[in-house]
Amino acid sequence: MKKFLFNNDKNIYKANMHSHTTVSDGTLTPEQAKEAYIARGYNIIAFTDHNLLMSQQHLNDENFLAINACEVNINEENKRGLATYHLNLYATRPDITDTPPMPEMDYLDHEAINKYIAERNAEGFLVCYNHPYWSMQTHAEYSKLRGLFAMEIYNHNCEVDEGYYGYNPQVYDEMLRQGQNIFCFSTDDNHNWGPKDMPDRDSFGGFIRINSKSLTYADVMDALIKGDFYASQAPEIHEISLDENILTVRCSPAELVVIYTQGRRCYTKKGEGITEAKFELSGNDDYIRVMCRDKNKLDANSNAYWIK
């Protein structure tokens, strides 16, 4: 019996889940950010200004939704430089408008960090772990995190402005391999600091597409919590379905489709303009996740699906 793991059968909304404005250290006002992203086909921005949640619900209309959010950090100076946990906190309801308490624990106190994450979850926040490669962290550090909703598999600002430290699919697999059932985001983390002739340098490069009943706060959050979305730098994933042990992927034209698993096994299809790929799975894979790469070497990544 055919089972859809992902299917764009509702409405597909394009979202930037990591954005900074003049509320903190960005150069665009929330209003300017909305205008710029609407012009590029976006419907949703999570305003994740540093250490301050400022509701932008007044910007909402039939084509745009603002998500109440903020970004917090826990730092330590060591021989690697500044190692840091950056966490985005997404309010699951629009009436959550107060800035949550800031984390004040020691960088190495994972028990306290996880307690902080659990407390934010209880208050109605989804917690996302941001840009681990740029953050100068090791597996021994991030693997101890618990209670995460998602992590960034791609961060555009860290890729184009911070030394190509933005893409970290290995970290996502490392978290999955230890049994953490979390989702993955591609984000911008835009500050729009660039030269005046390149103000969008760190914008429009990482996003998610959400399959939601409607562009309302409740429906979008419901889709996020269920993992009904995928992360992308450009390509589109239209369908991921499983019929017995046959996995089918339908996507925008790609030159490479890869199915990653918890082990060394992966399934691949290469070619020009691939829009459908079928794979016979072994039946022994705990999870699979899909990556589609287009001719410009830009990737779309699905969430992991636990199929065993």
C-alpha atoms as a PDB file:
ATOM      1  CA  MET A   1       0.000   0.000   0.000  1.00  0.00           C
ATOM      2  CA  LYS A   2       1.422   3.346  -1.055  1.00  0.00           C
ATOM      3  CA  LYS A   3       2.334   5.677   1.798  1.00  0.00           C
ATOM      4  CA  PHE A   4       3.210   9.319   1.249  1.00  0.00           C
ATOM      5  CA  LEU A   5       6.133  10.464   3.370  1.00  0.00           C
ATOM      6  CA  PHE A   6       5.942  13.921   1.796  1.00  0.00           C
ATOM      7  CA  ASN A   7       3.341  15.167  -0.656  1.00  0.00           C
ATOM      8  CA  ASN A   8       2.536  18.725  -1.675  1.00  0.00           C
ATOM      9  CA  ASP A   9      -1.183  18.004  -1.544  1.00  0.00           C
ATOM     10  CA  LYS A  10      -2.147  21.139   0.398  1.00  0.00           C
ATOM     11  CA  ASN A  11      -0.557  24.566   0.002  1.00  0.00           C
ATOM     12  CA  ILE A  12       3.181  24.988  -0.297  1.00  0.00           C
ATOM     13  CA  TYR A  13       4.493  28.043   1.527  1.00  0.00           C
ATOM     14  CA  LYS A  14       8.060  29.290   1.284  1.00  0.00           C
ATOM     15  CA  ALA A  15       9.608  30.275   4.613  1.00  0.00           C
ATOM     16  CA  ASN A  16      12.775  31.891   5.928  1.00  0.00           C
ATOM     17  CA  MET A  17      13.101  30.512   9.457  1.00  0.00           C
ATOM     18  CA  HIS A  18      16.118  32.593  10.559  1.00  0.00           C
ATOM     19  CA  SER A  19      16.101  36.343   9.981  1.00  0.00           C
ATOM     20  CA  HIS A  20      17.598  39.389  11.725  1.00  0.00           C
ATOM     21  CA  THR A  21      16.316  42.943  11.423  1.00  0.00           C
ATOM     22  CA  THR A  22      16.978  46.367  12.935  1.00  0.00           C
ATOM     23  CA  VAL A  23      15.370  45.009  16.099  1.00  0.00           C
ATOM     24  CA  SER A  24      18.826  43.524  16.756  1.00  0.00           C
ATOM     25  CA  ASP A  25      21.815  43.556  14.373  1.00  0.00           C
ATOM     26  CA  GLY A  26      20.195  43.465  10.925  1.00  0.00           C
ATOM     27  CA  THR A  27      19.964  46.423   8.565  1.00  0.00           C
ATOM     28  CA  LEU A  28      16.402  45.931   7.269  1.00  0.00           C
ATOM     29  CA  THR A  29      13.351  46.820   9.298  1.00  0.00           C
ATOM     30  CA  PRO A  30      10.768  44.044   9.679  1.00  0.00           C
ATOM     31  CA  GLU A  31       8.632  45.890   7.156  1.00  0.00           C
ATOM     32  CA  GLN A  32      11.504  46.073   4.649  1.00  0.00           C
ATOM     33  CA  ALA A  33      12.298  42.403   5.212  1.00  0.00           C
ATOM     34  CA  LYS A  34       8.688  41.456   4.501  1.00  0.00           C
ATOM     35  CA  GLU A  35       8.689  43.507   1.290  1.00  0.00           C
ATOM     36  CA  ALA A  36      11.982  41.997   0.081  1.00  0.00           C
ATOM     37  CA  TYR A  37      10.964  38.414   0.798  1.00  0.00           C
ATOM     38  CA  ILE A  38       7.449  38.742  -0.587  1.00  0.00           C
ATOM     39  CA  ALA A  39       9.048  39.952  -3.841  1.00  0.00           C
ATOM     40  CA  ARG A  40      11.050  36.694  -3.960  1.00  0.00           C
ATOM     41  CA  GLY A  41       8.032  34.454  -3.494  1.00  0.00           C
ATOM     42  CA  TYR A  42       8.212  33.935   0.267  1.00  0.00           C
ATOM     43  CA  ASN A  43       5.138  33.746   2.474  1.00  0.00           C
ATOM     44  CA  ILE A  44       6.652  33.328   5.943  1.00  0.00           C
ATOM     45  CA  ILE A  45       9.447  34.873   8.001  1.00  0.00           C
ATOM     46  CA  ALA A  46      10.427  33.822  11.490  1.00  0.00           C
ATOM     47  CA  PHE A  47      11.853  37.002  13.011  1.00  0.00           C
ATOM     48  CA  THR A  48      14.669  35.586  15.149  1.00  0.00           C
ATOM     49  CA  ASP A  49      16.361  38.713  16.448  1.00  0.00           C
ATOM     50  CA  HIS A  50      19.047  38.180  19.057  1.00  0.00           C
ATOM     51  CA  ASN A  51      17.876  37.800  22.658  1.00  0.00           C
ATOM     52  CA  LEU A  52      14.612  39.638  22.040  1.00  0.00           C
ATOM     53  CA  LEU A  53      11.258  38.340  20.919  1.00  0.00           C
ATOM     54  CA  MET A  54       9.321  41.174  19.333  1.00  0.00           C
ATOM     55  CA  SER A  55       5.997  40.163  17.823  1.00  0.00           C
ATOM     56  CA  GLN A  56       5.503  41.263  14.223  1.00  0.00           C
ATOM     57  CA  GLN A  57       1.932  39.984  13.926  1.00  0.00           C
ATOM     58  CA  HIS A  58       0.822  43.383  12.606  1.00  0.00           C
ATOM     59  CA  LEU A  59       2.592  42.471   9.344  1.00  0.00           C
ATOM     60  CA  ASN A  60       0.316  39.499   8.671  1.00  0.00           C
ATOM     61  CA  ASP A  61      -2.042  39.502   5.728  1.00  0.00           C
ATOM     62  CA  GLU A  62      -3.544  36.959   3.328  1.00  0.00           C
ATOM     63  CA  ASN A  63      -0.130  36.422   1.674  1.00  0.00           C
ATOM     64  CA  PHE A  64       2.261  36.742   4.614  1.00  0.00           C
ATOM     65  CA  LEU A  65       2.751  35.256   8.080  1.00  0.00           C
ATOM     66  CA  ALA A  66       5.233  36.375  10.727  1.00  0.00           C
ATOM     67  CA  ILE A  67       6.371  33.827  13.305  1.00  0.00           C
ATOM     68  CA  ASN A  68       7.246  35.070  16.781  1.00  0.00           C
ATOM     69  CA  ALA A  69      10.774  33.935  17.586  1.00  0.00           C
ATOM     70  CA  CYS A  70      14.195  34.880  18.874  1.00  0.00           C
ATOM     71  CA  GLU A  71      17.766  33.541  18.861  1.00  0.00           C
ATOM     72  CA  VAL A  72      19.728  32.914  22.069  1.00  0.00           C
ATOM     73  CA  ASN A  73      23.321  31.799  22.595  1.00  0.00           C
ATOM     74  CA  ILE A  74      25.680  30.140  25.090  1.00  0.00           C
ATOM     75  CA  ASN A  75      29.352  30.972  24.519  1.00  0.00           C
ATOM     76  CA  GLU A  76      32.820  29.834  25.542  1.00  0.00           C
ATOM     77  CA  GLU A  77      36.233  31.110  24.486  1.00  0.00           C
ATOM     78  CA  ASN A  78      38.624  28.215  23.937  1.00  0.00           C
ATOM     79  CA  LYS A  79      41.561  27.271  21.718  1.00  0.00           C
ATOM     80  CA  ARG A  80      39.219  26.985  18.720  1.00  0.00           C
ATOM     81  CA  GLY A  81      38.061  30.556  19.219  1.00  0.00           C
ATOM     82  CA  LEU A  82      34.504  31.378  20.248  1.00  0.00           C
ATOM     83  CA  ALA A  83      32.551  28.129  20.522  1.00  0.00           C
ATOM     84  CA  THR A  84      28.859  28.755  20.850  1.00  0.00           C
ATOM     85  CA  TYR A  85      25.434  27.191  20.938  1.00  0.00           C
ATOM     86  CA  HIS A  86      22.910  29.266  18.996  1.00  0.00           C
ATOM     87  CA  LEU A  87      19.299  28.228  19.435  1.00  0.00           C
ATOM     88  CA  ASN A  88      16.249  29.590  17.668  1.00  0.00           C
ATOM     89  CA  LEU A  89      13.097  29.563  19.776  1.00  0.00           C
ATOM     90  CA  TYR A  90       9.858  29.525  17.739  1.00  0.00           C
ATOM     91  CA  ALA A  91       6.623  30.366  19.528  1.00  0.00           C
ATOM     92  CA  THR A  92       3.946  27.819  18.675  1.00  0.00           C
ATOM     93  CA  ARG A  93       1.171  30.368  19.282  1.00  0.00           C
ATOM     94  CA  PRO A  94       0.912  34.016  18.230  1.00  0.00           C
ATOM     95  CA  ASP A  95      -0.098  35.062  21.754  1.00  0.00           C
ATOM     96  CA  ILE A  96       3.355  34.069  23.029  1.00  0.00           C
ATOM     97  CA  THR A  97       4.962  37.499  22.888  1.00  0.00           C
ATOM     98  CA  ASP A  98       7.266  37.690  25.914  1.00  0.00           C
ATOM     99  CA  THR A  99      10.987  37.198  25.466  1.00  0.00           C
ATOM    100  CA  PRO A 100      11.937  33.921  27.174  1.00  0.00           C
ATOM    101  CA  PRO A 101      14.640  33.882  29.875  1.00  0.00           C
ATOM    102  CA  MET A 102      18.162  33.970  28.502  1.00  0.00           C
ATOM    103  CA  PRO A 103      20.411  30.921  29.072  1.00  0.00           C
ATOM    104  CA  GLU A 104      22.960  31.688  31.783  1.00  0.00           C
ATOM    105  CA  MET A 105      24.530  28.269  32.340  1.00  0.00           C
ATOM    106  CA  ASP A 106      28.101  27.227  31.705  1.00  0.00           C
ATOM    107  CA  TYR A 107      28.880  26.189  28.131  1.00  0.00           C
ATOM    108  CA  LEU A 108      29.876  22.677  29.236  1.00  0.00           C
ATOM    109  CA  ASP A 109      26.859  22.131  31.502  1.00  0.00           C
ATOM    110  CA  HIS A 110      24.765  20.016  29.158  1.00  0.00           C
ATOM    111  CA  GLU A 111      22.358  19.047  31.925  1.00  0.00           C
ATOM    112  CA  ALA A 112      21.514  22.718  32.424  1.00  0.00           C
ATOM    113  CA  ILE A 113      21.324  23.368  28.677  1.00  0.00           C
ATOM    114  CA  ASN A 114      18.899  20.496  28.203  1.00  0.00           C
ATOM    115  CA  LYS A 115      16.853  21.689  31.162  1.00  0.00           C
ATOM    116  CA  TYR A 116      16.678  25.110  29.485  1.00  0.00           C
ATOM    117  CA  ILE A 117      15.462  23.501  26.241  1.00  0.00           C
ATOM    118  CA  ALA A 118      12.853  21.457  28.144  1.00  0.00           C
ATOM    119  CA  GLU A 119      11.605  24.589  29.922  1.00  0.00           C
ATOM    120  CA  ARG A 120      11.204  26.437  26.640  1.00  0.00           C
ATOM    121  CA  ASN A 121       9.373  23.435  25.146  1.00  0.00           C
ATOM    122  CA  ALA A 122       6.984  23.504  28.128  1.00  0.00           C
ATOM    123  CA  GLU A 123       6.350  27.207  27.527  1.00  0.00           C
ATOM    124  CA  GLY A 124       5.326  26.529  23.932  1.00  0.00           C
ATOM    125  CA  PHE A 125       8.544  27.010  21.976  1.00  0.00           C
ATOM    126  CA  LEU A 126      10.061  24.774  19.320  1.00  0.00           C
ATOM    127  CA  VAL A 127      13.860  24.789  19.620  1.00  0.00           C
ATOM    128  CA  CYS A 128      16.207  24.659  16.624  1.00  0.00           C
ATOM    129  CA  TYR A 129      19.972  24.129  16.839  1.00  0.00           C
ATOM    130  CA  ASN A 130      21.748  26.534  14.484  1.00  0.00           C
ATOM    131  CA  HIS A 131      24.857  26.346  12.252  1.00  0.00           C
ATOM    132  CA  PRO A 132      26.952  23.782  14.188  1.00  0.00           C
ATOM    133  CA  TYR A 133      29.892  23.938  11.757  1.00  0.00           C
ATOM    134  CA  TRP A 134      30.223  27.724  12.017  1.00  0.00           C
ATOM    135  CA  SER A 135      29.734  27.473  15.793  1.00  0.00           C
ATOM    136  CA  MET A 136      33.061  25.619  16.149  1.00  0.00           C
ATOM    137  CA  GLN A 137      31.479  22.711  17.967  1.00  0.00           C
ATOM    138  CA  THR A 138      32.379  19.052  18.138  1.00  0.00           C
ATOM    139  CA  HIS A 139      30.276  15.901  18.133  1.00  0.00           C
ATOM    140  CA  ALA A 140      31.038  15.487  21.839  1.00  0.00           C
ATOM    141  CA  GLU A 141      29.277  18.795  22.442  1.00  0.00           C
ATOM    142  CA  TYR A 142      26.242  18.898  20.161  1.00  0.00           C
ATOM    143  CA  SER A 143      25.450  15.192  20.461  1.00  0.00           C
ATOM    144  CA  LYS A 144      24.502  15.757  24.105  1.00  0.00           C
ATOM    145  CA  LEU A 145      21.650  18.113  23.213  1.00  0.00           C
ATOM    146  CA  ARG A 146      18.133  16.819  23.878  1.00  0.00           C
ATOM    147  CA  GLY A 147      14.644  18.144  23.234  1.00  0.00           C
ATOM    148  CA  LEU A 148      15.407  19.725  19.858  1.00  0.00           C
ATOM    149  CA  PHE A 149      12.693  20.099  17.258  1.00  0.00           C
ATOM    150  CA  ALA A 150      15.097  20.720  14.368  1.00  0.00           C
ATOM    151  CA  MET A 151      18.620  21.699  13.384  1.00  0.00           C
ATOM    152  CA  GLU A 152      19.995  23.725  10.517  1.00  0.00           C
ATOM    153  CA  ILE A 153      21.429  21.577   7.764  1.00  0.00           C
ATOM    154  CA  TYR A 154      22.219  24.740   5.765  1.00  0.00           C
ATOM    155  CA  ASN A 155      22.748  28.357   6.852  1.00  0.00           C
ATOM    156  CA  HIS A 156      23.201  30.781   3.964  1.00  0.00           C
ATOM    157  CA  ASN A 157      24.879  33.586   5.890  1.00  0.00           C
ATOM    158  CA  CYS A 158      27.483  31.191   7.295  1.00  0.00           C
ATOM    159  CA  GLU A 159      28.081  29.839   3.800  1.00  0.00           C
ATOM    160  CA  VAL A 160      28.495  33.080   1.823  1.00  0.00           C
ATOM    161  CA  ASP A 161      29.764  35.527   4.456  1.00  0.00           C
ATOM    162  CA  GLU A 162      31.493  33.385   7.058  1.00  0.00           C
ATOM    163  CA  GLY A 163      33.905  31.096   5.208  1.00  0.00           C
ATOM    164  CA  TYR A 164      31.739  28.338   3.699  1.00  0.00           C
ATOM    165  CA  TYR A 165      30.751  27.012   7.118  1.00  0.00           C
ATOM    166  CA  GLY A 166      27.058  26.851   6.336  1.00  0.00           C
ATOM    167  CA  TYR A 167      26.366  23.360   5.009  1.00  0.00           C
ATOM    168  CA  ASN A 168      26.600  20.509   7.525  1.00  0.00           C
ATOM    169  CA  PRO A 169      24.583  17.430   6.491  1.00  0.00           C
ATOM    170  CA  GLN A 170      27.013  15.144   8.348  1.00  0.00           C
ATOM    171  CA  VAL A 171      25.957  16.679  11.655  1.00  0.00           C
ATOM    172  CA  TYR A 172      22.320  15.941  10.841  1.00  0.00           C
ATOM    173  CA  ASP A 173      23.163  12.291  10.171  1.00  0.00           C
ATOM    174  CA  GLU A 174      25.208  12.100  13.366  1.00  0.00           C
ATOM    175  CA  MET A 175      22.208  13.277  15.372  1.00  0.00           C
ATOM    176  CA  LEU A 176      19.931  10.818  13.578  1.00  0.00           C
ATOM    177  CA  ARG A 177      22.328   7.899  14.015  1.00  0.00           C
ATOM    178  CA  GLN A 178      22.109   8.252  17.762  1.00  0.00           C
ATOM    179  CA  GLY A 179      18.325   8.040  17.556  1.00  0.00           C
ATOM    180  CA  GLN A 180      17.360  11.703  17.717  1.00  0.00           C
ATOM    181  CA  ASN A 181      14.167  12.144  15.728  1.00  0.00           C
ATOM    182  CA  ILE A 182      14.655  15.748  14.643  1.00  0.00           C
ATOM    183  CA  PHE A 183      13.960  17.692  11.461  1.00  0.00           C
ATOM    184  CA  CYS A 184      16.264  19.826   9.303  1.00  0.00           C
ATOM    185  CA  PHE A 185      16.072  23.431   8.134  1.00  0.00           C
ATOM    186  CA  SER A 186      17.763  25.446   5.424  1.00  0.00           C
ATOM    187  CA  THR A 187      17.798  29.085   6.478  1.00  0.00           C
ATOM    188  CA  ASP A 188      19.174  32.463   5.496  1.00  0.00           C
ATOM    189  CA  ASP A 189      20.228  33.906   8.870  1.00  0.00           C
ATOM    190  CA  ASN A 190      20.191  37.155   6.950  1.00  0.00           C
ATOM    191  CA  HIS A 191      21.486  40.400   8.426  1.00  0.00           C
ATOM    192  CA  ASN A 192      21.817  42.244   5.092  1.00  0.00           C
ATOM    193  CA  TRP A 193      25.157  43.743   6.090  1.00  0.00           C
ATOM    194  CA  GLY A 194      26.631  43.494   2.601  1.00  0.00           C
ATOM    195  CA  PRO A 195      27.903  46.273   0.358  1.00  0.00           C
ATOM    196  CA  LYS A 196      25.252  48.732  -0.748  1.00  0.00           C
ATOM    197  CA  ASP A 197      25.277  47.206  -4.225  1.00  0.00           C
ATOM    198  CA  MET A 198      24.802  43.720  -2.715  1.00  0.00           C
ATOM    199  CA  PRO A 199      22.311  44.182   0.153  1.00  0.00           C
ATOM    200  CA  ASP A 200      20.781  40.751  -0.419  1.00  0.00           C
ATOM    201  CA  ARG A 201      24.045  38.793  -0.266  1.00  0.00           C
ATOM    202  CA  ASP A 202      22.956  36.712   2.731  1.00  0.00           C
ATOM    203  CA  SER A 203      19.285  36.540   1.717  1.00  0.00           C
ATOM    204  CA  PHE A 204      17.221  34.186  -0.462  1.00  0.00           C
ATOM    205  CA  GLY A 205      19.646  31.252  -0.256  1.00  0.00           C
ATOM    206  CA  GLY A 206      18.169  28.889   2.325  1.00  0.00           C
ATOM    207  CA  PHE A 207      14.506  28.185   2.976  1.00  0.00           C
ATOM    208  CA  ILE A 208      11.940  25.543   3.762  1.00  0.00           C
ATOM    209  CA  ARG A 209       8.752  24.750   1.877  1.00  0.00           C
ATOM    210  CA  ILE A 210       5.866  23.930   4.189  1.00  0.00           C
ATOM    211  CA  ASN A 211       2.885  21.801   3.163  1.00  0.00           C
ATOM    212  CA  SER A 212       0.119  23.456   5.184  1.00  0.00           C
ATOM    213  CA  LYS A 213      -3.672  23.606   5.051  1.00  0.00           C
ATOM    214  CA  SER A 214      -3.580  27.392   5.122  1.00  0.00           C
ATOM    215  CA  LEU A 215      -1.379  30.387   5.840  1.00  0.00           C
ATOM    216  CA  THR A 216      -2.530  30.667   9.440  1.00  0.00           C
ATOM    217  CA  TYR A 217      -0.343  30.478  12.499  1.00  0.00           C
ATOM    218  CA  ALA A 218      -2.093  27.355  13.783  1.00  0.00           C
ATOM    219  CA  ASP A 219      -1.933  25.431  10.494  1.00  0.00           C
ATOM    220  CA  VAL A 220       1.674  26.366   9.756  1.00  0.00           C
ATOM    221  CA  MET A 221       2.754  25.324  13.247  1.00  0.00           C
ATOM    222  CA  ASP A 222       0.824  22.072  12.906  1.00  0.00           C
ATOM    223  CA  ALA A 223       2.707  21.316   9.672  1.00  0.00           C
ATOM    224  CA  LEU A 224       6.053  22.184  11.255  1.00  0.00           C
ATOM    225  CA  ILE A 225       5.442  19.996  14.292  1.00  0.00           C
ATOM    226  CA  LYS A 226       4.481  17.092  12.004  1.00  0.00           C
ATOM    227  CA  GLY A 227       7.576  17.632   9.837  1.00  0.00           C
ATOM    228  CA  ASP A 228       5.487  18.326   6.758  1.00  0.00           C
ATOM    229  CA  PHE A 229       8.158  20.382   5.015  1.00  0.00           C
ATOM    230  CA  TYR A 230      11.568  20.081   3.378  1.00  0.00           C
ATOM    231  CA  ALA A 231      14.742  22.196   3.366  1.00  0.00           C
ATOM    232  CA  SER A 232      16.201  23.661   0.185  1.00  0.00           C
ATOM    233  CA  GLN A 233      18.734  25.929  -1.435  1.00  0.00           C
ATOM    234  CA  ALA A 234      16.722  25.905  -4.699  1.00  0.00           C
ATOM    235  CA  PRO A 235      15.389  22.485  -5.879  1.00  0.00           C
ATOM    236  CA  GLU A 236      11.829  21.423  -5.176  1.00  0.00           C
ATOM    237  CA  ILE A 237      10.664  18.096  -3.781  1.00  0.00           C
ATOM    238  CA  HIS A 238       7.137  17.267  -4.911  1.00  0.00           C
ATOM    239  CA  GLU A 239       6.649  13.792  -3.500  1.00  0.00           C
ATOM    240  CA  ILE A 240       8.335  11.094  -1.452  1.00  0.00           C
ATOM    241  CA  SER A 241       6.305   7.887  -1.274  1.00  0.00           C
ATOM    242  CA  LEU A 242       6.852   4.308  -0.177  1.00  0.00           C
ATOM    243  CA  ASP A 243       5.021   1.323  -1.673  1.00  0.00           C
ATOM    244  CA  GLU A 244       6.150  -1.861   0.054  1.00  0.00           C
ATOM    245  CA  ASN A 245       9.931  -1.439  -0.331  1.00  0.00           C
ATOM    246  CA  ILE A 246       9.867   0.838  -3.412  1.00  0.00           C
ATOM    247  CA  LEU A 247      10.673   4.459  -2.624  1.00  0.00           C
ATOM    248  CA  THR A 248       9.643   7.048  -5.215  1.00  0.00           C
ATOM    249  CA  VAL A 249      10.961  10.600  -5.327  1.00  0.00           C
ATOM    250  CA  ARG A 250       9.469  13.266  -7.587  1.00  0.00           C
ATOM    251  CA  CYS A 251      11.244  16.599  -7.805  1.00  0.00           C
ATOM    252  CA  SER A 252      12.164  19.557  -9.995  1.00  0.00           C
ATOM    253  CA  PRO A 253      14.876  18.704 -12.579  1.00  0.00           C
ATOM    254  CA  ALA A 254      17.908  17.285 -10.779  1.00  0.00           C
ATOM    255  CA  GLU A 255      21.247  15.775 -11.752  1.00  0.00           C
ATOM    256  CA  LEU A 256      21.562  13.695  -8.591  1.00  0.00           C
ATOM    257  CA  VAL A 257      19.085  12.083  -6.199  1.00  0.00           C
ATOM    258  CA  VAL A 258      20.489  10.361  -3.103  1.00  0.00           C
ATOM    259  CA  ILE A 259      18.743   8.369  -0.404  1.00  0.00           C
ATOM    260  CA  TYR A 260      20.830   8.428   2.771  1.00  0.00           C
ATOM    261  CA  THR A 261      20.394   5.885   5.563  1.00  0.00           C
ATOM    262  CA  GLN A 262      21.752   5.359   9.063  1.00  0.00           C
ATOM    263  CA  GLY A 263      24.675   3.312   7.742  1.00  0.00           C
ATOM    264  CA  ARG A 264      27.069   3.312   4.802  1.00  0.00           C
ATOM    265  CA  ARG A 265      24.321   2.229   2.432  1.00  0.00           C
ATOM    266  CA  CYS A 266      22.938   4.913   0.165  1.00  0.00           C
ATOM    267  CA  TYR A 267      20.887   4.754  -3.010  1.00  0.00           C
ATOM    268  CA  THR A 268      21.658   7.071  -5.913  1.00  0.00           C
ATOM    269  CA  LYS A 269      20.421   8.083  -9.330  1.00  0.00           C
ATOM    270  CA  LYS A 270      22.456  10.342 -11.608  1.00  0.00           C
ATOM    271  CA  GLY A 271      21.514  11.971 -14.880  1.00  0.00           C
ATOM    272  CA  GLU A 272      20.248  15.133 -16.507  1.00  0.00           C
ATOM    273  CA  GLY A 273      16.845  16.558 -15.737  1.00  0.00           C
ATOM    274  CA  ILE A 274      15.743  13.785 -13.362  1.00  0.00           C
ATOM    275  CA  THR A 275      12.192  14.439 -12.199  1.00  0.00           C
ATOM    276  CA  GLU A 276      11.375  10.966 -10.879  1.00  0.00           C
ATOM    277  CA  ALA A 277      13.552   8.325  -9.266  1.00  0.00           C
ATOM    278  CA  LYS A 278      12.603   4.918  -7.858  1.00  0.00           C
ATOM    279  CA  PHE A 279      14.686   2.911  -5.413  1.00  0.00           C
ATOM    280  CA  GLU A 280      14.296  -0.601  -4.028  1.00  0.00           C
ATOM    281  CA  LEU A 281      15.109  -0.394  -0.316  1.00  0.00           C
ATOM    282  CA  SER A 282      16.713  -3.229   1.604  1.00  0.00           C
ATOM    283  CA  GLY A 283      14.084  -3.315   4.324  1.00  0.00           C
ATOM    284  CA  ASN A 284      16.792  -2.990   6.972  1.00  0.00           C
ATOM    285  CA  ASP A 285      17.108   0.785   7.039  1.00  0.00           C
ATOM    286  CA  ASP A 286      16.068   2.501  10.252  1.00  0.00           C
ATOM    287  CA  TYR A 287      15.572   5.820   8.498  1.00  0.00           C
ATOM    288  CA  ILE A 288      15.941   7.362   5.071  1.00  0.00           C
ATOM    289  CA  ARG A 289      16.316  10.944   3.976  1.00  0.00           C
ATOM    290  CA  VAL A 290      16.329  12.376   0.469  1.00  0.00           C
ATOM    291  CA  MET A 291      18.740  14.799  -1.162  1.00  0.00           C
ATOM    292  CA  CYS A 292      18.112  16.260  -4.646  1.00  0.00           C
ATOM    293  CA  ARG A 293      20.886  18.286  -6.352  1.00  0.00           C
ATOM    294  CA  ASP A 294      20.261  20.479  -9.372  1.00  0.00           C
ATOM    295  CA  LYS A 295      22.587  21.446 -12.229  1.00  0.00           C
ATOM    296  CA  ASN A 296      23.835  24.435 -10.203  1.00  0.00           C
ATOM    297  CA  LYS A 297      25.007  22.093  -7.412  1.00  0.00           C
ATOM    298  CA  LEU A 298      22.302  23.361  -5.056  1.00  0.00           C
ATOM    299  CA  ASP A 299      20.565  20.866  -2.791  1.00  0.00           C
ATOM    300  CA  ALA A 300      17.183  20.117  -1.335  1.00  0.00           C
ATOM    301  CA  ASN A 301      17.085  17.915   1.757  1.00  0.00           C
ATOM    302  CA  SER A 302      14.069  16.136   3.145  1.00  0.00           C
ATOM    303  CA  ASN A 303      13.535  15.416   6.784  1.00  0.00           C
ATOM    304  CA  ALA A 304      14.474  11.946   7.966  1.00  0.00           C
ATOM    305  CA  TYR A 305      11.710   9.354   7.851  1.00  0.00           C
ATOM    306  CA  TRP A 306      11.889   6.457  10.296  1.00  0.00           C
ATOM    307  CA  ILE A 307      10.624   3.533   8.244  1.00  0.00           C
ATOM    308  CA  LYS A 308      11.806   0.349   9.978  1.00  0.00           C
END
